[in-house]
Amino acid sequence: MISVPGALALSLPQDLALGPVAAFMVGTEFAHLHPVPDYSLHLVLPAAAAEAAIDAGWAEQHPIARLGIISPGAVMVYAPRDAHEADIAAGLVRASYAYATGSELPLRAGEHGGH
């Protein structure tokens, strides 16, 4: 709903979108994957997880979030370059999903390590 053409959105059915309003970018969309050739992701994390991902070099705060228009936990996750980085990105997507469903699971060890 809010990305470039060809992006793939991750949205929840209304009955599963039990997280706080701040867990979503628009409607029940909590993340989206940008198309070729970029492959970065925008997703929303709880504040502490977003800060950890940024500090570790896996993400940067979404520019619209910096303006206060969307959740401050909205970040751009850099495209993974190998299997290890793909595991990190997948962990961040799981954390975003957990936040959006209201289960807010902590990141597993190693999912917030440096880039």
PDB file of N, CA and C in Angstrom:
ATOM      1  N   MET A   1       0.812  -1.216   0.000  1.00  0.00           N
ATOM      2  CA  MET A   1       0.000   0.000   0.000  1.00  0.00           C
ATOM      3  C   MET A   1       0.850   1.271   0.000  1.00  0.00           C
ATOM      4  N   ILE A   2       2.106   1.146   0.476  1.00  0.00           N
ATOM      5  CA  ILE A   2       2.899   2.371   0.586  1.00  0.00           C
ATOM      6  C   ILE A   2       4.303   2.216   0.018  1.00  0.00           C
ATOM      7  N   SER A   3       4.502   1.268  -0.852  1.00  0.00           N
ATOM      8  CA  SER A   3       5.840   1.026  -1.373  1.00  0.00           C
ATOM      9  C   SER A   3       5.869   1.181  -2.885  1.00  0.00           C
ATOM     10  N   VAL A   4       7.023   0.886  -3.455  1.00  0.00           N
ATOM     11  CA  VAL A   4       7.216   0.968  -4.894  1.00  0.00           C
ATOM     12  C   VAL A   4       6.480  -0.170  -5.599  1.00  0.00           C
ATOM     13  N   PRO A   5       6.175  -0.005  -6.880  1.00  0.00           N
ATOM     14  CA  PRO A   5       5.540  -1.103  -7.621  1.00  0.00           C
ATOM     15  C   PRO A   5       6.409  -2.361  -7.567  1.00  0.00           C
ATOM     16  N   GLY A   6       5.763  -3.503  -7.391  1.00  0.00           N
ATOM     17  CA  GLY A   6       6.473  -4.764  -7.330  1.00  0.00           C
ATOM     18  C   GLY A   6       6.863  -5.201  -5.931  1.00  0.00           C
ATOM     19  N   ALA A   7       6.689  -4.334  -4.949  1.00  0.00           N
ATOM     20  CA  ALA A   7       6.997  -4.705  -3.564  1.00  0.00           C
ATOM     21  C   ALA A   7       5.980  -5.731  -3.075  1.00  0.00           C
ATOM     22  N   LEU A   8       6.424  -6.606  -2.192  1.00  0.00           N
ATOM     23  CA  LEU A   8       5.552  -7.622  -1.609  1.00  0.00           C
ATOM     24  C   LEU A   8       5.282  -7.269  -0.154  1.00  0.00           C
ATOM     25  N   ALA A   9       4.016  -7.023   0.166  1.00  0.00           N
ATOM     26  CA  ALA A   9       3.628  -6.608   1.508  1.00  0.00           C
ATOM     27  C   ALA A   9       3.341  -7.795   2.400  1.00  0.00           C
ATOM     28  N   LEU A  10       3.675  -7.656   3.670  1.00  0.00           N
ATOM     29  CA  LEU A  10       3.287  -8.611   4.699  1.00  0.00           C
ATOM     30  C   LEU A  10       2.233  -7.922   5.550  1.00  0.00           C
ATOM     31  N   SER A  11       1.020  -8.417   5.457  1.00  0.00           N
ATOM     32  CA  SER A  11      -0.116  -7.859   6.183  1.00  0.00           C
ATOM     33  C   SER A  11      -0.814  -8.975   6.934  1.00  0.00           C
ATOM     34  N   LEU A  12      -1.511  -8.606   7.971  1.00  0.00           N
ATOM     35  CA  LEU A  12      -2.249  -9.576   8.770  1.00  0.00           C
ATOM     36  C   LEU A  12      -3.748  -9.407   8.564  1.00  0.00           C
ATOM     37  N   PRO A  13      -4.498 -10.507   8.671  1.00  0.00           N
ATOM     38  CA  PRO A  13      -5.946 -10.359   8.743  1.00  0.00           C
ATOM     39  C   PRO A  13      -6.275  -9.560  10.009  1.00  0.00           C
ATOM     40  N   GLN A  14      -7.319  -8.805   9.976  1.00  0.00           N
ATOM     41  CA  GLN A  14      -7.673  -7.927  11.096  1.00  0.00           C
ATOM     42  C   GLN A  14      -7.719  -8.667  12.434  1.00  0.00           C
ATOM     43  N   ASP A  15      -8.208  -9.909  12.443  1.00  0.00           N
ATOM     44  CA  ASP A  15      -8.345 -10.630  13.710  1.00  0.00           C
ATOM     45  C   ASP A  15      -7.004 -11.084  14.296  1.00  0.00           C
ATOM     46  N   LEU A  16      -5.932 -11.046  13.521  1.00  0.00           N
ATOM     47  CA  LEU A  16      -4.606 -11.394  14.033  1.00  0.00           C
ATOM     48  C   LEU A  16      -3.746 -10.172  14.321  1.00  0.00           C
ATOM     49  N   ALA A  17      -4.186  -9.010  13.886  1.00  0.00           N
ATOM     50  CA  ALA A  17      -3.431  -7.766  14.071  1.00  0.00           C
ATOM     51  C   ALA A  17      -3.679  -7.227  15.484  1.00  0.00           C
ATOM     52  N   LEU A  18      -3.125  -7.928  16.477  1.00  0.00           N
ATOM     53  CA  LEU A  18      -3.391  -7.620  17.878  1.00  0.00           C
ATOM     54  C   LEU A  18      -2.322  -6.752  18.526  1.00  0.00           C
ATOM     55  N   GLY A  19      -1.287  -6.418  17.771  1.00  0.00           N
ATOM     56  CA  GLY A  19      -0.236  -5.553  18.296  1.00  0.00           C
ATOM     57  C   GLY A  19      -0.706  -4.112  18.385  1.00  0.00           C
ATOM     58  N   PRO A  20       0.125  -3.249  18.952  1.00  0.00           N
ATOM     59  CA  PRO A  20      -0.235  -1.834  19.061  1.00  0.00           C
ATOM     60  C   PRO A  20      -0.285  -1.170  17.688  1.00  0.00           C
ATOM     61  N   VAL A  21      -0.967  -0.069  17.578  1.00  0.00           N
ATOM     62  CA  VAL A  21      -1.051   0.686  16.326  1.00  0.00           C
ATOM     63  C   VAL A  21       0.352   0.977  15.789  1.00  0.00           C
ATOM     64  N   ALA A  22       1.303   1.220  16.669  1.00  0.00           N
ATOM     65  CA  ALA A  22       2.680   1.542  16.270  1.00  0.00           C
ATOM     66  C   ALA A  22       3.393   0.371  15.596  1.00  0.00           C
ATOM     67  N   ALA A  23       2.809  -0.834  15.596  1.00  0.00           N
ATOM     68  CA  ALA A  23       3.430  -2.006  14.978  1.00  0.00           C
ATOM     69  C   ALA A  23       3.177  -2.072  13.474  1.00  0.00           C
ATOM     70  N   PHE A  24       2.406  -1.124  12.937  1.00  0.00           N
ATOM     71  CA  PHE A  24       1.990  -1.184  11.543  1.00  0.00           C
ATOM     72  C   PHE A  24       2.365   0.085  10.792  1.00  0.00           C
ATOM     73  N   MET A  25       2.675  -0.093   9.498  1.00  0.00           N
ATOM     74  CA  MET A  25       2.983   1.059   8.643  1.00  0.00           C
ATOM     75  C   MET A  25       1.703   1.700   8.129  1.00  0.00           C
ATOM     76  N   VAL A  26       0.808   0.856   7.633  1.00  0.00           N
ATOM     77  CA  VAL A  26      -0.491   1.322   7.138  1.00  0.00           C
ATOM     78  C   VAL A  26      -1.435   0.124   7.195  1.00  0.00           C
ATOM     79  N   GLY A  27      -2.655   0.336   7.634  1.00  0.00           N
ATOM     80  CA  GLY A  27      -3.585  -0.777   7.777  1.00  0.00           C
ATOM     81  C   GLY A  27      -2.976  -1.835   8.682  1.00  0.00           C
ATOM     82  N   THR A  28      -2.942  -3.076   8.209  1.00  0.00           N
ATOM     83  CA  THR A  28      -2.326  -4.160   8.985  1.00  0.00           C
ATOM     84  C   THR A  28      -1.001  -4.611   8.366  1.00  0.00           C
ATOM     85  N   GLU A  29      -0.408  -3.745   7.530  1.00  0.00           N
ATOM     86  CA  GLU A  29       0.893  -4.046   6.922  1.00  0.00           C
ATOM     87  C   GLU A  29       2.005  -3.741   7.926  1.00  0.00           C
ATOM     88  N   PHE A  30       2.797  -4.763   8.235  1.00  0.00           N
ATOM     89  CA  PHE A  30       3.890  -4.585   9.188  1.00  0.00           C
ATOM     90  C   PHE A  30       5.260  -4.633   8.529  1.00  0.00           C
ATOM     91  N   ALA A  31       5.316  -5.066   7.256  1.00  0.00           N
ATOM     92  CA  ALA A  31       6.584  -5.147   6.533  1.00  0.00           C
ATOM     93  C   ALA A  31       6.318  -5.237   5.042  1.00  0.00           C
ATOM     94  N   HIS A  32       7.326  -4.888   4.250  1.00  0.00           N
ATOM     95  CA  HIS A  32       7.280  -5.172   2.817  1.00  0.00           C
ATOM     96  C   HIS A  32       8.704  -5.324   2.283  1.00  0.00           C
ATOM     97  N   LEU A  33       8.822  -6.159   1.252  1.00  0.00           N
ATOM     98  CA  LEU A  33      10.084  -6.460   0.593  1.00  0.00           C
ATOM     99  C   LEU A  33      10.134  -5.689  -0.714  1.00  0.00           C
ATOM    100  N   HIS A  34      11.207  -4.947  -0.918  1.00  0.00           N
ATOM    101  CA  HIS A  34      11.372  -4.200  -2.166  1.00  0.00           C
ATOM    102  C   HIS A  34      11.828  -5.136  -3.285  1.00  0.00           C
ATOM    103  N   PRO A  35      11.395  -4.856  -4.522  1.00  0.00           N
ATOM    104  CA  PRO A  35      11.691  -5.749  -5.642  1.00  0.00           C
ATOM    105  C   PRO A  35      13.134  -5.603  -6.157  1.00  0.00           C
ATOM    106  N   VAL A  36      13.444  -6.404  -7.179  1.00  0.00           N
ATOM    107  CA  VAL A  36      14.725  -6.357  -7.895  1.00  0.00           C
ATOM    108  C   VAL A  36      14.989  -4.919  -8.310  1.00  0.00           C
ATOM    109  N   PRO A  37      16.177  -4.418  -8.204  1.00  0.00           N
ATOM    110  CA  PRO A  37      17.391  -5.092  -7.751  1.00  0.00           C
ATOM    111  C   PRO A  37      17.702  -4.819  -6.285  1.00  0.00           C
ATOM    112  N   ASP A  38      16.789  -4.190  -5.573  1.00  0.00           N
ATOM    113  CA  ASP A  38      17.066  -3.688  -4.226  1.00  0.00           C
ATOM    114  C   ASP A  38      17.038  -4.764  -3.144  1.00  0.00           C
ATOM    115  N   TYR A  39      15.904  -5.418  -2.978  1.00  0.00           N
ATOM    116  CA  TYR A  39      15.684  -6.478  -1.981  1.00  0.00           C
ATOM    117  C   TYR A  39      15.814  -6.040  -0.529  1.00  0.00           C
ATOM    118  N   SER A  40      15.835  -4.750  -0.263  1.00  0.00           N
ATOM    119  CA  SER A  40      15.794  -4.325   1.136  1.00  0.00           C
ATOM    120  C   SER A  40      14.362  -4.493   1.627  1.00  0.00           C
ATOM    121  N   LEU A  41      14.180  -4.347   2.929  1.00  0.00           N
ATOM    122  CA  LEU A  41      12.858  -4.482   3.541  1.00  0.00           C
ATOM    123  C   LEU A  41      12.546  -3.242   4.360  1.00  0.00           C
ATOM    124  N   HIS A  42      11.305  -2.876   4.407  1.00  0.00           N
ATOM    125  CA  HIS A  42      10.829  -1.940   5.416  1.00  0.00           C
ATOM    126  C   HIS A  42       9.984  -2.777   6.372  1.00  0.00           C
ATOM    127  N   LEU A  43      10.206  -2.583   7.653  1.00  0.00           N
ATOM    128  CA  LEU A  43       9.388  -3.275   8.647  1.00  0.00           C
ATOM    129  C   LEU A  43       9.349  -2.461   9.925  1.00  0.00           C
ATOM    130  N   VAL A  44       8.434  -2.842  10.809  1.00  0.00           N
ATOM    131  CA  VAL A  44       8.272  -2.135  12.072  1.00  0.00           C
ATOM    132  C   VAL A  44       8.667  -3.066  13.208  1.00  0.00           C
ATOM    133  N   LEU A  45       9.498  -2.555  14.092  1.00  0.00           N
ATOM    134  CA  LEU A  45       9.965  -3.294  15.263  1.00  0.00           C
ATOM    135  C   LEU A  45       9.618  -2.529  16.529  1.00  0.00           C
ATOM    136  N   PRO A  46       9.548  -3.217  17.656  1.00  0.00           N
ATOM    137  CA  PRO A  46       9.444  -2.500  18.929  1.00  0.00           C
ATOM    138  C   PRO A  46      10.661  -1.576  19.058  1.00  0.00           C
ATOM    139  N   ALA A  47      10.505  -0.506  19.795  1.00  0.00           N
ATOM    140  CA  ALA A  47      11.551   0.516  19.881  1.00  0.00           C
ATOM    141  C   ALA A  47      12.921  -0.060  20.231  1.00  0.00           C
ATOM    142  N   ALA A  48      13.012  -0.930  21.229  1.00  0.00           N
ATOM    143  CA  ALA A  48      14.312  -1.473  21.646  1.00  0.00           C
ATOM    144  C   ALA A  48      14.919  -2.340  20.549  1.00  0.00           C
ATOM    145  N   ALA A  49      14.111  -3.131  19.855  1.00  0.00           N
ATOM    146  CA  ALA A  49      14.617  -3.975  18.774  1.00  0.00           C
ATOM    147  C   ALA A  49      15.061  -3.132  17.587  1.00  0.00           C
ATOM    148  N   ALA A  50      14.305  -2.074  17.279  1.00  0.00           N
ATOM    149  CA  ALA A  50      14.701  -1.180  16.189  1.00  0.00           C
ATOM    150  C   ALA A  50      16.046  -0.526  16.508  1.00  0.00           C
ATOM    151  N   GLU A  51      16.189  -0.052  17.723  1.00  0.00           N
ATOM    152  CA  GLU A  51      17.448   0.575  18.139  1.00  0.00           C
ATOM    153  C   GLU A  51      18.603  -0.425  18.055  1.00  0.00           C
ATOM    154  N   ALA A  52      18.371  -1.670  18.494  1.00  0.00           N
ATOM    155  CA  ALA A  52      19.418  -2.697  18.442  1.00  0.00           C
ATOM    156  C   ALA A  52      19.799  -3.009  16.996  1.00  0.00           C
ATOM    157  N   ALA A  53      18.819  -3.107  16.104  1.00  0.00           N
ATOM    158  CA  ALA A  53      19.101  -3.397  14.696  1.00  0.00           C
ATOM    159  C   ALA A  53      19.888  -2.259  14.049  1.00  0.00           C
ATOM    160  N   ILE A  54      19.536  -1.035  14.397  1.00  0.00           N
ATOM    161  CA  ILE A  54      20.251   0.130  13.867  1.00  0.00           C
ATOM    162  C   ILE A  54      21.674   0.161  14.422  1.00  0.00           C
ATOM    163  N   ASP A  55      21.810  -0.009  15.734  1.00  0.00           N
ATOM    164  CA  ASP A  55      23.135   0.011  16.364  1.00  0.00           C
ATOM    165  C   ASP A  55      24.046  -1.086  15.818  1.00  0.00           C
ATOM    166  N   ALA A  56      23.462  -2.239  15.458  1.00  0.00           N
ATOM    167  CA  ALA A  56      24.243  -3.360  14.950  1.00  0.00           C
ATOM    168  C   ALA A  56      24.594  -3.204  13.465  1.00  0.00           C
ATOM    169  N   GLY A  57      24.017  -2.212  12.807  1.00  0.00           N
ATOM    170  CA  GLY A  57      24.320  -1.987  11.406  1.00  0.00           C
ATOM    171  C   GLY A  57      23.469  -2.780  10.437  1.00  0.00           C
ATOM    172  N   TRP A  58      22.371  -3.371  10.910  1.00  0.00           N
ATOM    173  CA  TRP A  58      21.484  -4.139  10.032  1.00  0.00           C
ATOM    174  C   TRP A  58      20.401  -3.282   9.411  1.00  0.00           C
ATOM    175  N   ALA A  59      20.160  -2.097   9.974  1.00  0.00           N
ATOM    176  CA  ALA A  59      19.018  -1.292   9.538  1.00  0.00           C
ATOM    177  C   ALA A  59      19.293   0.184   9.783  1.00  0.00           C
ATOM    178  N   GLU A  60      18.423   0.988   9.223  1.00  0.00           N
ATOM    179  CA  GLU A  60      18.408   2.420   9.538  1.00  0.00           C
ATOM    180  C   GLU A  60      16.949   2.836   9.702  1.00  0.00           C
ATOM    181  N   GLN A  61      16.727   3.858  10.494  1.00  0.00           N
ATOM    182  CA  GLN A  61      15.347   4.301  10.715  1.00  0.00           C
ATOM    183  C   GLN A  61      14.762   4.806   9.396  1.00  0.00           C
ATOM    184  N   HIS A  62      13.527   4.438   9.149  1.00  0.00           N
ATOM    185  CA  HIS A  62      12.813   4.887   7.949  1.00  0.00           C
ATOM    186  C   HIS A  62      12.754   6.412   7.966  1.00  0.00           C
ATOM    187  N   PRO A  63      13.019   7.074   6.828  1.00  0.00           N
ATOM    188  CA  PRO A  63      13.019   8.546   6.822  1.00  0.00           C
ATOM    189  C   PRO A  63      11.688   9.155   7.238  1.00  0.00           C
ATOM    190  N   ILE A  64      10.576   8.515   6.917  1.00  0.00           N
ATOM    191  CA  ILE A  64       9.264   9.033   7.320  1.00  0.00           C
ATOM    192  C   ILE A  64       9.075   8.874   8.825  1.00  0.00           C
ATOM    193  N   ALA A  65       9.671   7.832   9.397  1.00  0.00           N
ATOM    194  CA  ALA A  65       9.613   7.650  10.856  1.00  0.00           C
ATOM    195  C   ALA A  65      10.380   8.770  11.551  1.00  0.00           C
ATOM    196  N   ARG A  66      11.496   9.182  10.954  1.00  0.00           N
ATOM    197  CA  ARG A  66      12.272  10.296  11.535  1.00  0.00           C
ATOM    198  C   ARG A  66      11.449  11.571  11.597  1.00  0.00           C
ATOM    199  N   LEU A  67      10.511  11.707  10.673  1.00  0.00           N
ATOM    200  CA  LEU A  67       9.641  12.890  10.652  1.00  0.00           C
ATOM    201  C   LEU A  67       8.451  12.755  11.586  1.00  0.00           C
ATOM    202  N   GLY A  68       8.280  11.570  12.182  1.00  0.00           N
ATOM    203  CA  GLY A  68       7.175  11.344  13.100  1.00  0.00           C
ATOM    204  C   GLY A  68       5.861  11.013  12.420  1.00  0.00           C
ATOM    205  N   ILE A  69       5.900  10.699  11.114  1.00  0.00           N
ATOM    206  CA  ILE A  69       4.673  10.417  10.372  1.00  0.00           C
ATOM    207  C   ILE A  69       4.228   8.971  10.572  1.00  0.00           C
ATOM    208  N   ILE A  70       5.194   8.054  10.699  1.00  0.00           N
ATOM    209  CA  ILE A  70       4.885   6.661  11.001  1.00  0.00           C
ATOM    210  C   ILE A  70       5.650   6.254  12.252  1.00  0.00           C
ATOM    211  N   SER A  71       5.409   5.066  12.717  1.00  0.00           N
ATOM    212  CA  SER A  71       6.011   4.551  13.943  1.00  0.00           C
ATOM    213  C   SER A  71       7.524   4.776  13.988  1.00  0.00           C
ATOM    214  N   PRO A  72       8.054   5.197  15.131  1.00  0.00           N
ATOM    215  CA  PRO A  72       9.507   5.364  15.246  1.00  0.00           C
ATOM    216  C   PRO A  72      10.258   4.038  15.118  1.00  0.00           C
ATOM    217  N   GLY A  73       9.559   2.917  15.242  1.00  0.00           N
ATOM    218  CA  GLY A  73      10.175   1.605  15.078  1.00  0.00           C
ATOM    219  C   GLY A  73      10.244   1.143  13.635  1.00  0.00           C
ATOM    220  N   ALA A  74       9.795   1.976  12.686  1.00  0.00           N
ATOM    221  CA  ALA A  74       9.862   1.612  11.266  1.00  0.00           C
ATOM    222  C   ALA A  74      11.301   1.767  10.788  1.00  0.00           C
ATOM    223  N   VAL A  75      11.831   0.695  10.228  1.00  0.00           N
ATOM    224  CA  VAL A  75      13.221   0.693   9.779  1.00  0.00           C
ATOM    225  C   VAL A  75      13.322   0.126   8.366  1.00  0.00           C
ATOM    226  N   MET A  76      14.437   0.454   7.699  1.00  0.00           N
ATOM    227  CA  MET A  76      14.803  -0.197   6.460  1.00  0.00           C
ATOM    228  C   MET A  76      15.911  -1.176   6.800  1.00  0.00           C
ATOM    229  N   VAL A  77      15.672  -2.444   6.512  1.00  0.00           N
ATOM    230  CA  VAL A  77      16.659  -3.499   6.731  1.00  0.00           C
ATOM    231  C   VAL A  77      17.395  -3.704   5.413  1.00  0.00           C
ATOM    232  N   TYR A  78      18.705  -3.660   5.477  1.00  0.00           N
ATOM    233  CA  TYR A  78      19.511  -3.814   4.275  1.00  0.00           C
ATOM    234  C   TYR A  78      19.346  -5.202   3.676  1.00  0.00           C
ATOM    235  N   ALA A  79      19.447  -5.292   2.358  1.00  0.00           N
ATOM    236  CA  ALA A  79      19.328  -6.574   1.664  1.00  0.00           C
ATOM    237  C   ALA A  79      20.456  -7.506   2.099  1.00  0.00           C
ATOM    238  N   PRO A  80      20.118  -8.748   2.422  1.00  0.00           N
ATOM    239  CA  PRO A  80      21.161  -9.701   2.804  1.00  0.00           C
ATOM    240  C   PRO A  80      22.048 -10.051   1.611  1.00  0.00           C
ATOM    241  N   ARG A  81      23.337 -10.283   1.909  1.00  0.00           N
ATOM    242  CA  ARG A  81      24.309 -10.630   0.866  1.00  0.00           C
ATOM    243  C   ARG A  81      24.680 -12.102   0.881  1.00  0.00           C
ATOM    244  N   ASP A  82      24.319 -12.805   1.948  1.00  0.00           N
ATOM    245  CA  ASP A  82      24.660 -14.229   2.042  1.00  0.00           C
ATOM    246  C   ASP A  82      23.661 -14.900   2.986  1.00  0.00           C
ATOM    247  N   ALA A  83      23.840 -16.201   3.196  1.00  0.00           N
ATOM    248  CA  ALA A  83      22.894 -16.972   4.007  1.00  0.00           C
ATOM    249  C   ALA A  83      22.850 -16.483   5.453  1.00  0.00           C
ATOM    250  N   HIS A  84      23.995 -16.140   6.009  1.00  0.00           N
ATOM    251  CA  HIS A  84      24.025 -15.639   7.389  1.00  0.00           C
ATOM    252  C   HIS A  84      23.208 -14.351   7.510  1.00  0.00           C
ATOM    253  N   GLU A  85      23.418 -13.427   6.598  1.00  0.00           N
ATOM    254  CA  GLU A  85      22.667 -12.166   6.634  1.00  0.00           C
ATOM    255  C   GLU A  85      21.186 -12.400   6.346  1.00  0.00           C
ATOM    256  N   ALA A  86      20.863 -13.393   5.515  1.00  0.00           N
ATOM    257  CA  ALA A  86      19.454 -13.732   5.268  1.00  0.00           C
ATOM    258  C   ALA A  86      18.806 -14.233   6.553  1.00  0.00           C
ATOM    259  N   ASP A  87      19.551 -14.995   7.363  1.00  0.00           N
ATOM    260  CA  ASP A  87      19.030 -15.445   8.657  1.00  0.00           C
ATOM    261  C   ASP A  87      18.758 -14.258   9.583  1.00  0.00           C
ATOM    262  N   ILE A  88      19.648 -13.276   9.561  1.00  0.00           N
ATOM    263  CA  ILE A  88      19.463 -12.070  10.380  1.00  0.00           C
ATOM    264  C   ILE A  88      18.195 -11.340   9.926  1.00  0.00           C
ATOM    265  N   ALA A  89      18.067 -11.116   8.623  1.00  0.00           N
ATOM    266  CA  ALA A  89      16.889 -10.423   8.093  1.00  0.00           C
ATOM    267  C   ALA A  89      15.608 -11.189   8.435  1.00  0.00           C
ATOM    268  N   ALA A  90      15.648 -12.518   8.313  1.00  0.00           N
ATOM    269  CA  ALA A  90      14.470 -13.327   8.650  1.00  0.00           C
ATOM    270  C   ALA A  90      14.118 -13.182  10.121  1.00  0.00           C
ATOM    271  N   GLY A  91      15.119 -13.110  10.981  1.00  0.00           N
ATOM    272  CA  GLY A  91      14.864 -12.905  12.411  1.00  0.00           C
ATOM    273  C   GLY A  91      14.203 -11.567  12.674  1.00  0.00           C
ATOM    274  N   LEU A  92      14.603 -10.544  11.932  1.00  0.00           N
ATOM    275  CA  LEU A  92      13.980  -9.228  12.094  1.00  0.00           C
ATOM    276  C   LEU A  92      12.538  -9.250  11.600  1.00  0.00           C
ATOM    277  N   VAL A  93      12.277  -9.977  10.526  1.00  0.00           N
ATOM    278  CA  VAL A  93      10.896 -10.124  10.044  1.00  0.00           C
ATOM    279  C   VAL A  93      10.064 -10.868  11.090  1.00  0.00           C
ATOM    280  N   ARG A  94      10.634 -11.925  11.691  1.00  0.00           N
ATOM    281  CA  ARG A  94       9.908 -12.652  12.757  1.00  0.00           C
ATOM    282  C   ARG A  94       9.597 -11.716  13.934  1.00  0.00           C
ATOM    283  N   ALA A  95      10.557 -10.876  14.297  1.00  0.00           N
ATOM    284  CA  ALA A  95      10.329  -9.938  15.399  1.00  0.00           C
ATOM    285  C   ALA A  95       9.235  -8.936  15.034  1.00  0.00           C
ATOM    286  N   SER A  96       9.211  -8.481  13.789  1.00  0.00           N
ATOM    287  CA  SER A  96       8.169  -7.556  13.335  1.00  0.00           C
ATOM    288  C   SER A  96       6.801  -8.235  13.359  1.00  0.00           C
ATOM    289  N   TYR A  97       6.743  -9.485  12.900  1.00  0.00           N
ATOM    290  CA  TYR A  97       5.497 -10.253  12.916  1.00  0.00           C
ATOM    291  C   TYR A  97       5.009 -10.436  14.358  1.00  0.00           C
ATOM    292  N   ALA A  98       5.926 -10.788  15.246  1.00  0.00           N
ATOM    293  CA  ALA A  98       5.548 -10.977  16.650  1.00  0.00           C
ATOM    294  C   ALA A  98       4.991  -9.685  17.241  1.00  0.00           C
ATOM    295  N   TYR A  99       5.619  -8.565  16.926  1.00  0.00           N
ATOM    296  CA  TYR A  99       5.151  -7.254  17.395  1.00  0.00           C
ATOM    297  C   TYR A  99       3.747  -6.981  16.854  1.00  0.00           C
ATOM    298  N   ALA A 100       3.544  -7.258  15.561  1.00  0.00           N
ATOM    299  CA  ALA A 100       2.252  -6.994  14.930  1.00  0.00           C
ATOM    300  C   ALA A 100       1.144  -7.899  15.465  1.00  0.00           C
ATOM    301  N   THR A 101       1.492  -9.109  15.879  1.00  0.00           N
ATOM    302  CA  THR A 101       0.478 -10.031  16.405  1.00  0.00           C
ATOM    303  C   THR A 101       0.300  -9.892  17.911  1.00  0.00           C
ATOM    304  N   GLY A 102       1.113  -9.064  18.525  1.00  0.00           N
ATOM    305  CA  GLY A 102       0.994  -8.840  19.962  1.00  0.00           C
ATOM    306  C   GLY A 102       1.778  -9.819  20.801  1.00  0.00           C
ATOM    307  N   SER A 103       2.647 -10.619  20.181  1.00  0.00           N
ATOM    308  CA  SER A 103       3.416 -11.595  20.959  1.00  0.00           C
ATOM    309  C   SER A 103       4.848 -11.150  21.216  1.00  0.00           C
ATOM    310  N   GLU A 104       5.289 -10.088  20.594  1.00  0.00           N
ATOM    311  CA  GLU A 104       6.577  -9.410  20.785  1.00  0.00           C
ATOM    312  C   GLU A 104       7.680 -10.281  21.382  1.00  0.00           C
ATOM    313  N   LEU A 105       8.155 -11.239  20.605  1.00  0.00           N
ATOM    314  CA  LEU A 105       9.232 -12.118  21.037  1.00  0.00           C
ATOM    315  C   LEU A 105      10.573 -11.394  20.930  1.00  0.00           C
ATOM    316  N   PRO A 106      11.492 -11.647  21.855  1.00  0.00           N
ATOM    317  CA  PRO A 106      12.813 -11.020  21.745  1.00  0.00           C
ATOM    318  C   PRO A 106      13.589 -11.626  20.579  1.00  0.00           C
ATOM    319  N   LEU A 107      14.559 -10.883  20.055  1.00  0.00           N
ATOM    320  CA  LEU A 107      15.451 -11.413  19.032  1.00  0.00           C
ATOM    321  C   LEU A 107      16.267 -12.533  19.641  1.00  0.00           C
ATOM    322  N   ARG A 108      16.563 -13.555  18.828  1.00  0.00           N
ATOM    323  CA  ARG A 108      17.430 -14.638  19.308  1.00  0.00           C
ATOM    324  C   ARG A 108      18.872 -14.175  19.304  1.00  0.00           C
ATOM    325  N   ALA A 109      19.692 -14.840  20.087  1.00  0.00           N
ATOM    326  CA  ALA A 109      21.118 -14.525  20.138  1.00  0.00           C
ATOM    327  C   ALA A 109      21.676 -14.538  18.722  1.00  0.00           C
ATOM    328  N   GLY A 110      22.466 -13.537  18.402  1.00  0.00           N
ATOM    329  CA  GLY A 110      23.088 -13.449  17.086  1.00  0.00           C
ATOM    330  C   GLY A 110      22.279 -12.678  16.079  1.00  0.00           C
ATOM    331  N   GLU A 111      20.985 -12.402  16.339  1.00  0.00           N
ATOM    332  CA  GLU A 111      20.163 -11.695  15.375  1.00  0.00           C
ATOM    333  C   GLU A 111      20.354 -10.184  15.458  1.00  0.00           C
ATOM    334  N   HIS A 112      21.129  -9.746  16.383  1.00  0.00           N
ATOM    335  CA  HIS A 112      21.393  -8.315  16.459  1.00  0.00           C
ATOM    336  C   HIS A 112      22.880  -8.025  16.399  1.00  0.00           C
ATOM    337  N   GLY A 113      23.671  -9.000  15.946  1.00  0.00           N
ATOM    338  CA  GLY A 113      25.105  -8.830  15.831  1.00  0.00           C
ATOM    339  C   GLY A 113      25.475  -7.877  14.711  1.00  0.00           C
ATOM    340  N   GLY A 114      26.694  -7.407  14.706  1.00  0.00           N
ATOM    341  CA  GLY A 114      27.161  -6.408  13.738  1.00  0.00           C
ATOM    342  C   GLY A 114      27.131  -6.894  12.300  1.00  0.00           C
ATOM    343  N   HIS A 115      27.102  -5.963  11.366  1.00  0.00           N
ATOM    344  CA  HIS A 115      27.010  -6.197   9.923  1.00  0.00           C
ATOM    345  C   HIS A 115      28.351  -6.578   9.366  1.00  0.00           C
TER     346      HIS A 115
END
